[in-house]
PDB file of N, CA and C in Angstrom:
ATOM      1  N   MET A   1     -34.953 322.822  63.350  1.00  0.00           N
ATOM      2  CA  MET A   1     -33.624 322.466  64.104  1.00  0.00           C
ATOM      3  C   MET A   1     -33.930 321.443  65.161  1.00  0.00           C
ATOM      4  N   ASN A   2     -34.968 321.331  65.714  1.00  0.00           N
ATOM      5  CA  ASN A   2     -35.282 320.190  67.133  1.00  0.00           C
ATOM      6  C   ASN A   2     -34.552 319.094  66.189  1.00  0.00           C
ATOM      7  N   LYS A   3     -34.949 318.474  64.983  1.00  0.00           N
ATOM      8  CA  LYS A   3     -34.750 317.035  64.167  1.00  0.00           C
ATOM      9  C   LYS A   3     -33.150 317.117  64.165  1.00  0.00           C
ATOM     10  N   ILE A   4     -32.815 318.308  63.969  1.00  0.00           N
ATOM     11  CA  ILE A   4     -31.039 318.354  64.099  1.00  0.00           C
ATOM     12  C   ILE A   4     -30.422 317.928  65.141  1.00  0.00           C
ATOM     13  N   ILE A   5     -30.968 318.332  66.217  1.00  0.00           N
ATOM     14  CA  ILE A   5     -30.385 318.049  67.833  1.00  0.00           C
ATOM     15  C   ILE A   5     -30.743 316.720  68.280  1.00  0.00           C
ATOM     16  N   ILE A   6     -31.965 316.114  67.516  1.00  0.00           N
ATOM     17  CA  ILE A   6     -32.305 314.853  67.926  1.00  0.00           C
ATOM     18  C   ILE A   6     -31.439 313.764  67.219  1.00  0.00           C
ATOM     19  N   ALA A   7     -31.011 314.314  65.893  1.00  0.00           N
ATOM     20  CA  ALA A   7     -30.439 313.520  64.673  1.00  0.00           C
ATOM     21  C   ALA A   7     -28.819 313.402  65.529  1.00  0.00           C
ATOM     22  N   SER A   8     -28.258 314.555  65.532  1.00  0.00           N
ATOM     23  CA  SER A   8     -26.866 314.590  66.109  1.00  0.00           C
ATOM     24  C   SER A   8     -26.945 313.519  67.498  1.00  0.00           C
ATOM     25  N   LEU A   9     -27.856 313.581  68.286  1.00  0.00           N
ATOM     26  CA  LEU A   9     -27.521 313.350  69.550  1.00  0.00           C
ATOM     27  C   LEU A   9     -27.941 311.564  69.466  1.00  0.00           C
ATOM     28  N   LEU A  10     -28.683 310.924  68.284  1.00  0.00           N
ATOM     29  CA  LEU A  10     -28.531 309.662  67.940  1.00  0.00           C
ATOM     30  C   LEU A  10     -27.694 309.342  67.201  1.00  0.00           C
ATOM     31  N   LEU A  11     -26.875 309.731  66.608  1.00  0.00           N
ATOM     32  CA  LEU A  11     -25.386 309.456  65.911  1.00  0.00           C
ATOM     33  C   LEU A  11     -24.369 309.365  67.032  1.00  0.00           C
ATOM     34  N   LEU A  12     -24.349 310.594  67.870  1.00  0.00           N
ATOM     35  CA  LEU A  12     -23.673 310.530  68.979  1.00  0.00           C
ATOM     36  C   LEU A  12     -23.461 309.148  69.539  1.00  0.00           C
ATOM     37  N   SER A  13     -25.024 308.754  69.788  1.00  0.00           N
ATOM     38  CA  SER A  13     -25.290 307.487  71.407  1.00  0.00           C
ATOM     39  C   SER A  13     -24.507 306.641  70.260  1.00  0.00           C
ATOM     40  N   ALA A  14     -25.046 306.301  68.957  1.00  0.00           N
ATOM     41  CA  ALA A  14     -24.775 305.044  67.965  1.00  0.00           C
ATOM     42  C   ALA A  14     -22.963 304.806  67.968  1.00  0.00           C
ATOM     43  N   ALA A  15     -22.402 305.895  67.929  1.00  0.00           N
ATOM     44  CA  ALA A  15     -21.267 306.018  67.715  1.00  0.00           C
ATOM     45  C   ALA A  15     -20.375 305.408  69.192  1.00  0.00           C
ATOM     46  N   CYS A  16     -20.879 305.925  70.026  1.00  0.00           N
ATOM     47  CA  CYS A  16     -20.274 306.260  71.574  1.00  0.00           C
ATOM     48  C   CYS A  16     -20.097 304.533  71.913  1.00  0.00           C
ATOM     49  N   SER A  17     -21.711 303.821  71.664  1.00  0.00           N
ATOM     50  CA  SER A  17     -21.883 302.651  72.224  1.00  0.00           C
ATOM     51  C   SER A  17     -21.612 301.209  71.576  1.00  0.00           C
ATOM     52  N   GLY A  18     -20.940 300.657  72.686  1.00  0.00           N
ATOM     53  CA  GLY A  18     -20.259 299.353  72.002  1.00  0.00           C
ATOM     54  C   GLY A  18     -18.361 299.682  71.801  1.00  0.00           C
ATOM     55  N   ASN A  19     -18.028 300.746  71.766  1.00  0.00           N
ATOM     56  CA  ASN A  19     -16.743 301.203  71.312  1.00  0.00           C
ATOM     57  C   ASN A  19     -15.817 300.664  72.562  1.00  0.00           C
ATOM     58  N   LYS A  20     -14.825 299.921  72.488  1.00  0.00           N
ATOM     59  CA  LYS A  20     -13.787 299.796  73.512  1.00  0.00           C
ATOM     60  C   LYS A  20     -12.239 300.123  72.690  1.00  0.00           C
ATOM     61  N   THR A  21     -11.386 300.725  73.802  1.00  0.00           N
ATOM     62  CA  THR A  21     -10.340 301.156  73.482  1.00  0.00           C
ATOM     63  C   THR A  21      -9.857 299.799  73.475  1.00  0.00           C
ATOM     64  N   GLU A  22      -8.422 299.833  72.996  1.00  0.00           N
ATOM     65  CA  GLU A  22      -7.563 298.522  72.726  1.00  0.00           C
ATOM     66  C   GLU A  22      -7.182 297.829  74.109  1.00  0.00           C
ATOM     67  N   LYS A  23      -6.754 298.802  74.572  1.00  0.00           N
ATOM     68  CA  LYS A  23      -6.710 298.337  76.161  1.00  0.00           C
ATOM     69  C   LYS A  23      -7.817 297.754  76.809  1.00  0.00           C
ATOM     70  N   GLU A  24      -8.890 298.032  76.544  1.00  0.00           N
ATOM     71  CA  GLU A  24      -9.817 297.394  77.484  1.00  0.00           C
ATOM     72  C   GLU A  24     -10.192 296.185  76.556  1.00  0.00           C
ATOM     73  N   SER A  25      -9.937 295.867  75.330  1.00  0.00           N
ATOM     74  CA  SER A  25     -10.114 294.592  74.665  1.00  0.00           C
ATOM     75  C   SER A  25      -9.104 293.576  74.929  1.00  0.00           C
ATOM     76  N   ALA A  26      -7.955 294.204  74.921  1.00  0.00           N
ATOM     77  CA  ALA A  26      -6.317 293.307  75.319  1.00  0.00           C
ATOM     78  C   ALA A  26      -6.784 292.562  76.915  1.00  0.00           C
ATOM     79  N   GLY A  27      -7.330 293.388  77.683  1.00  0.00           N
ATOM     80  CA  GLY A  27      -7.487 293.100  79.192  1.00  0.00           C
ATOM     81  C   GLY A  27      -8.499 292.048  79.508  1.00  0.00           C
ATOM     82  N   THR A  28      -9.694 292.197  78.719  1.00  0.00           N
ATOM     83  CA  THR A  28     -10.731 291.054  78.629  1.00  0.00           C
ATOM     84  C   THR A  28     -10.165 289.989  78.106  1.00  0.00           C
ATOM     85  N   GLU A  29      -9.550 289.438  77.261  1.00  0.00           N
ATOM     86  CA  GLU A  29      -8.948 288.605  76.652  1.00  0.00           C
ATOM     87  C   GLU A  29      -8.073 288.112  77.384  1.00  0.00           C
ATOM     88  N   THR A  30      -6.824 288.769  77.749  1.00  0.00           N
ATOM     89  CA  THR A  30      -6.531 288.054  78.969  1.00  0.00           C
ATOM     90  C   THR A  30      -6.922 287.322  80.134  1.00  0.00           C
ATOM     91  N   HIS A  31      -7.947 288.251  80.652  1.00  0.00           N
ATOM     92  CA  HIS A  31      -8.926 287.770  81.599  1.00  0.00           C
ATOM     93  C   HIS A  31      -9.433 286.200  81.370  1.00  0.00           C
ATOM     94  N   ALA A  32     -10.015 286.335  79.977  1.00  0.00           N
ATOM     95  CA  ALA A  32     -10.762 285.139  79.662  1.00  0.00           C
ATOM     96  C   ALA A  32      -9.958 284.052  79.876  1.00  0.00           C
ATOM     97  N   VAL A  33      -8.319 284.361  79.182  1.00  0.00           N
ATOM     98  CA  VAL A  33      -7.591 283.118  78.809  1.00  0.00           C
ATOM     99  C   VAL A  33      -7.698 282.283  80.301  1.00  0.00           C
ATOM    100  N   SER A  34      -7.302 283.199  81.375  1.00  0.00           N
ATOM    101  CA  SER A  34      -5.919 282.591  82.640  1.00  0.00           C
ATOM    102  C   SER A  34      -7.395 282.373  83.672  1.00  0.00           C
ATOM    103  N   GLU A  35      -8.917 282.792  82.816  1.00  0.00           N
ATOM    104  CA  GLU A  35     -10.240 282.031  84.298  1.00  0.00           C
ATOM    105  C   GLU A  35     -10.028 280.846  84.269  1.00  0.00           C
ATOM    106  N   LYS A  36     -10.341 280.222  85.724  1.00  0.00           N
ATOM    107  CA  LYS A  36     -10.309 278.955  85.835  1.00  0.00           C
ATOM    108  C   LYS A  36     -12.110 278.455  86.202  1.00  0.00           C
ATOM    109  N   LYS A  37     -12.320 277.536  85.810  1.00  0.00           N
ATOM    110  CA  LYS A  37     -13.487 277.149  86.194  1.00  0.00           C
ATOM    111  C   LYS A  37     -13.763 275.685  86.890  1.00  0.00           C
ATOM    112  N   TYR A  38     -14.715 275.509  87.816  1.00  0.00           N
ATOM    113  CA  TYR A  38     -14.756 274.776  88.439  1.00  0.00           C
ATOM    114  C   TYR A  38     -15.937 273.795  88.805  1.00  0.00           C
ATOM    115  N   ALA A  39     -16.294 272.494  88.580  1.00  0.00           N
ATOM    116  CA  ALA A  39     -17.581 272.131  88.497  1.00  0.00           C
ATOM    117  C   ALA A  39     -17.298 271.100  89.318  1.00  0.00           C
ATOM    118  N   CYS A  40     -18.305 270.338  89.705  1.00  0.00           N
ATOM    119  CA  CYS A  40     -19.058 269.050  90.425  1.00  0.00           C
ATOM    120  C   CYS A  40     -18.385 267.889  89.983  1.00  0.00           C
ATOM    121  N   PRO A  41     -17.563 267.129  90.393  1.00  0.00           N
ATOM    122  CA  PRO A  41     -17.324 265.753  89.462  1.00  0.00           C
ATOM    123  C   PRO A  41     -18.351 264.906  89.540  1.00  0.00           C
ATOM    124  N   MET A  42     -19.496 264.838  90.378  1.00  0.00           N
ATOM    125  CA  MET A  42     -20.622 264.078  90.043  1.00  0.00           C
ATOM    126  C   MET A  42     -21.816 264.899  89.018  1.00  0.00           C
ATOM    127  N   GLN A  43     -21.569 265.693  88.624  1.00  0.00           N
ATOM    128  CA  GLN A  43     -22.245 266.880  87.667  1.00  0.00           C
ATOM    129  C   GLN A  43     -23.859 266.794  88.141  1.00  0.00           C
ATOM    130  N   CYS A  44     -23.593 267.073  89.536  1.00  0.00           N
ATOM    131  CA  CYS A  44     -25.437 267.149  90.228  1.00  0.00           C
ATOM    132  C   CYS A  44     -25.835 268.282  89.209  1.00  0.00           C
ATOM    133  N   GLU A  45     -25.562 269.306  89.312  1.00  0.00           N
ATOM    134  CA  GLU A  45     -25.982 270.220  88.309  1.00  0.00           C
ATOM    135  C   GLU A  45     -25.737 270.765  86.892  1.00  0.00           C
ATOM    136  N   GLY A  46     -25.697 269.694  86.054  1.00  0.00           N
ATOM    137  CA  GLY A  46     -25.390 269.219  84.773  1.00  0.00           C
ATOM    138  C   GLY A  46     -23.811 270.048  84.435  1.00  0.00           C
ATOM    139  N   ASP A  47     -24.064 270.953  83.767  1.00  0.00           N
ATOM    140  CA  ASP A  47     -22.797 271.414  82.766  1.00  0.00           C
ATOM    141  C   ASP A  47     -22.373 272.590  83.893  1.00  0.00           C
ATOM    142  N   LYS A  48     -23.053 273.241  84.725  1.00  0.00           N
ATOM    143  CA  LYS A  48     -22.871 274.221  85.641  1.00  0.00           C
ATOM    144  C   LYS A  48     -21.540 274.613  86.190  1.00  0.00           C
ATOM    145  N   THR A  49     -20.718 275.638  86.085  1.00  0.00           N
ATOM    146  CA  THR A  49     -19.396 275.587  86.437  1.00  0.00           C
ATOM    147  C   THR A  49     -19.726 276.957  87.471  1.00  0.00           C
ATOM    148  N   TYR A  50     -18.438 277.012  88.040  1.00  0.00           N
ATOM    149  CA  TYR A  50     -18.212 278.315  88.837  1.00  0.00           C
ATOM    150  C   TYR A  50     -16.904 278.918  88.635  1.00  0.00           C
ATOM    151  N   ALA A  51     -16.910 280.168  89.174  1.00  0.00           N
ATOM    152  CA  ALA A  51     -15.569 280.408  88.965  1.00  0.00           C
ATOM    153  C   ALA A  51     -14.711 280.391  90.062  1.00  0.00           C
ATOM    154  N   GLU A  52     -15.165 279.958  91.613  1.00  0.00           N
ATOM    155  CA  GLU A  52     -14.247 279.689  92.443  1.00  0.00           C
ATOM    156  C   GLU A  52     -14.483 278.631  92.820  1.00  0.00           C
ATOM    157  N   ALA A  53     -13.049 277.747  93.592  1.00  0.00           N
ATOM    158  CA  ALA A  53     -13.157 276.442  94.106  1.00  0.00           C
ATOM    159  C   ALA A  53     -14.159 276.483  95.527  1.00  0.00           C
ATOM    160  N   GLY A  54     -14.839 275.277  95.609  1.00  0.00           N
ATOM    161  CA  GLY A  54     -15.182 275.568  97.198  1.00  0.00           C
ATOM    162  C   GLY A  54     -16.270 274.337  97.093  1.00  0.00           C
ATOM    163  N   LYS A  55     -17.333 273.767  97.751  1.00  0.00           N
ATOM    164  CA  LYS A  55     -18.160 272.473  97.693  1.00  0.00           C
ATOM    165  C   LYS A  55     -19.449 272.900  96.740  1.00  0.00           C
ATOM    166  N   CYS A  56     -19.608 271.646  95.929  1.00  0.00           N
ATOM    167  CA  CYS A  56     -20.773 271.452  95.558  1.00  0.00           C
ATOM    168  C   CYS A  56     -22.048 271.707  96.467  1.00  0.00           C
ATOM    169  N   PRO A  57     -22.964 272.572  96.111  1.00  0.00           N
ATOM    170  CA  PRO A  57     -23.946 273.063  96.948  1.00  0.00           C
ATOM    171  C   PRO A  57     -24.921 271.879  97.008  1.00  0.00           C
ATOM    172  N   VAL A  58     -24.972 271.346  96.168  1.00  0.00           N
ATOM    173  CA  VAL A  58     -26.002 269.717  96.214  1.00  0.00           C
ATOM    174  C   VAL A  58     -25.364 268.600  97.211  1.00  0.00           C
ATOM    175  N   CYS A  59     -24.200 268.327  96.768  1.00  0.00           N
ATOM    176  CA  CYS A  59     -23.698 267.185  97.170  1.00  0.00           C
ATOM    177  C   CYS A  59     -22.507 267.208  98.328  1.00  0.00           C
ATOM    178  N   LYS A  60     -22.395 268.567  98.137  1.00  0.00           N
ATOM    179  CA  LYS A  60     -21.312 268.904  99.154  1.00  0.00           C
ATOM    180  C   LYS A  60     -19.503 268.099  98.764  1.00  0.00           C
ATOM    181  N   MET A  61     -19.637 267.918  97.914  1.00  0.00           N
ATOM    182  CA  MET A  61     -18.151 267.166  97.424  1.00  0.00           C
ATOM    183  C   MET A  61     -17.354 268.358  96.881  1.00  0.00           C
ATOM    184  N   GLU A  62     -16.023 268.359  96.774  1.00  0.00           N
ATOM    185  CA  GLU A  62     -15.003 269.464  96.333  1.00  0.00           C
ATOM    186  C   GLU A  62     -15.162 269.919  94.996  1.00  0.00           C
ATOM    187  N   LEU A  63     -15.392 271.120  94.768  1.00  0.00           N
ATOM    188  CA  LEU A  63     -15.649 271.295  93.181  1.00  0.00           C
ATOM    189  C   LEU A  63     -13.955 270.972  92.530  1.00  0.00           C
ATOM    190  N   GLN A  64     -13.739 270.467  91.167  1.00  0.00           N
ATOM    191  CA  GLN A  64     -12.966 270.358  90.594  1.00  0.00           C
ATOM    192  C   GLN A  64     -12.695 271.517  89.407  1.00  0.00           C
ATOM    193  N   GLU A  65     -11.166 271.625  89.136  1.00  0.00           N
ATOM    194  CA  GLU A  65     -10.990 272.432  87.854  1.00  0.00           C
ATOM    195  C   GLU A  65     -11.354 271.696  86.927  1.00  0.00           C
ATOM    196  N   VAL A  66     -11.933 272.369  85.728  1.00  0.00           N
ATOM    197  CA  VAL A  66     -12.172 271.693  84.175  1.00  0.00           C
ATOM    198  C   VAL A  66     -11.761 272.194  83.649  1.00  0.00           C
ATOM    199  N   ALA A  67     -11.058 271.564  82.095  1.00  0.00           N
ATOM    200  CA  ALA A  67     -10.597 272.326  81.574  1.00  0.00           C
ATOM    201  C   ALA A  67     -11.389 273.194  80.733  1.00  0.00           C
ATOM    202  N   LEU A  68     -10.909 274.657  80.042  1.00  0.00           N
ATOM    203  CA  LEU A  68     -11.332 275.343  79.598  1.00  0.00           C
ATOM    204  C   LEU A  68     -12.360 275.113  78.410  1.00  0.00           C
ATOM    205  N   ALA A  69     -11.975 274.066  77.784  1.00  0.00           N
ATOM    206  CA  ALA A  69     -12.817 273.845  76.564  1.00  0.00           C
ATOM    207  C   ALA A  69     -13.937 272.673  76.702  1.00  0.00           C
ATOM    208  N   GLU A  70     -14.080 272.688  77.995  1.00  0.00           N
ATOM    209  CA  GLU A  70     -15.356 271.464  78.721  1.00  0.00           C
ATOM    210  C   GLU A  70     -15.875 272.506  78.860  1.00  0.00           C
ATOM    211  N   THR A  71     -15.917 273.944  79.354  1.00  0.00           N
ATOM    212  CA  THR A  71     -16.521 274.683  79.745  1.00  0.00           C
ATOM    213  C   THR A  71     -17.273 275.576  78.967  1.00  0.00           C
ATOM    214  N   ASP A  72     -18.471 275.943  79.980  1.00  0.00           N
ATOM    215  CA  ASP A  72     -19.589 276.785  79.015  1.00  0.00           C
ATOM    216  C   ASP A  72     -18.856 278.258  78.988  1.00  0.00           C
ATOM    217  N   THR A  73     -19.368 279.483  78.389  1.00  0.00           N
ATOM    218  CA  THR A  73     -19.173 280.682  78.574  1.00  0.00           C
ATOM    219  C   THR A  73     -19.434 281.669  79.567  1.00  0.00           C
ATOM    220  N   THR A  74     -20.530 280.961  80.060  1.00  0.00           N
ATOM    221  CA  THR A  74     -21.263 281.677  80.656  1.00  0.00           C
ATOM    222  C   THR A  74     -20.852 280.882  82.703  1.00  0.00           C
ATOM    223  N   ALA A  75     -19.930 281.587  83.377  1.00  0.00           N
ATOM    224  CA  ALA A  75     -19.746 280.921  84.717  1.00  0.00           C
ATOM    225  C   ALA A  75     -20.699 281.429  85.375  1.00  0.00           C
ATOM    226  N   HIS A  76     -21.006 280.301  86.203  1.00  0.00           N
ATOM    227  CA  HIS A  76     -22.160 280.831  87.432  1.00  0.00           C
ATOM    228  C   HIS A  76     -21.715 281.044  88.730  1.00  0.00           C
ATOM    229  N   GLN A  77     -21.924 281.882  89.725  1.00  0.00           N
ATOM    230  CA  GLN A  77     -21.197 282.403  90.781  1.00  0.00           C
ATOM    231  C   GLN A  77     -22.015 281.201  91.718  1.00  0.00           C
ATOM    232  N   HIS A  78     -21.507 281.236  92.737  1.00  0.00           N
ATOM    233  CA  HIS A  78     -22.328 280.353  94.109  1.00  0.00           C
ATOM    234  C   HIS A  78     -22.434 281.129  95.383  1.00  0.00           C
TER     235      HIS A  78
END
């Protein structure tokens, strides 16, 4: 009896994890496309990008918007 309960819980857990509704998936894709990235023009921190405009923490220059193709998929917050 306990094995059946444990197996059922495992199946339920596996079935529910990672499933997104169509609405959730569409929202994330739209957000990723419209997201702007900013980077230091002097590349003080290499390829590091920021989600918001501001100043480079190293050289204090204004961050510039970079094209989406140039950015890495993991934006760092400052």
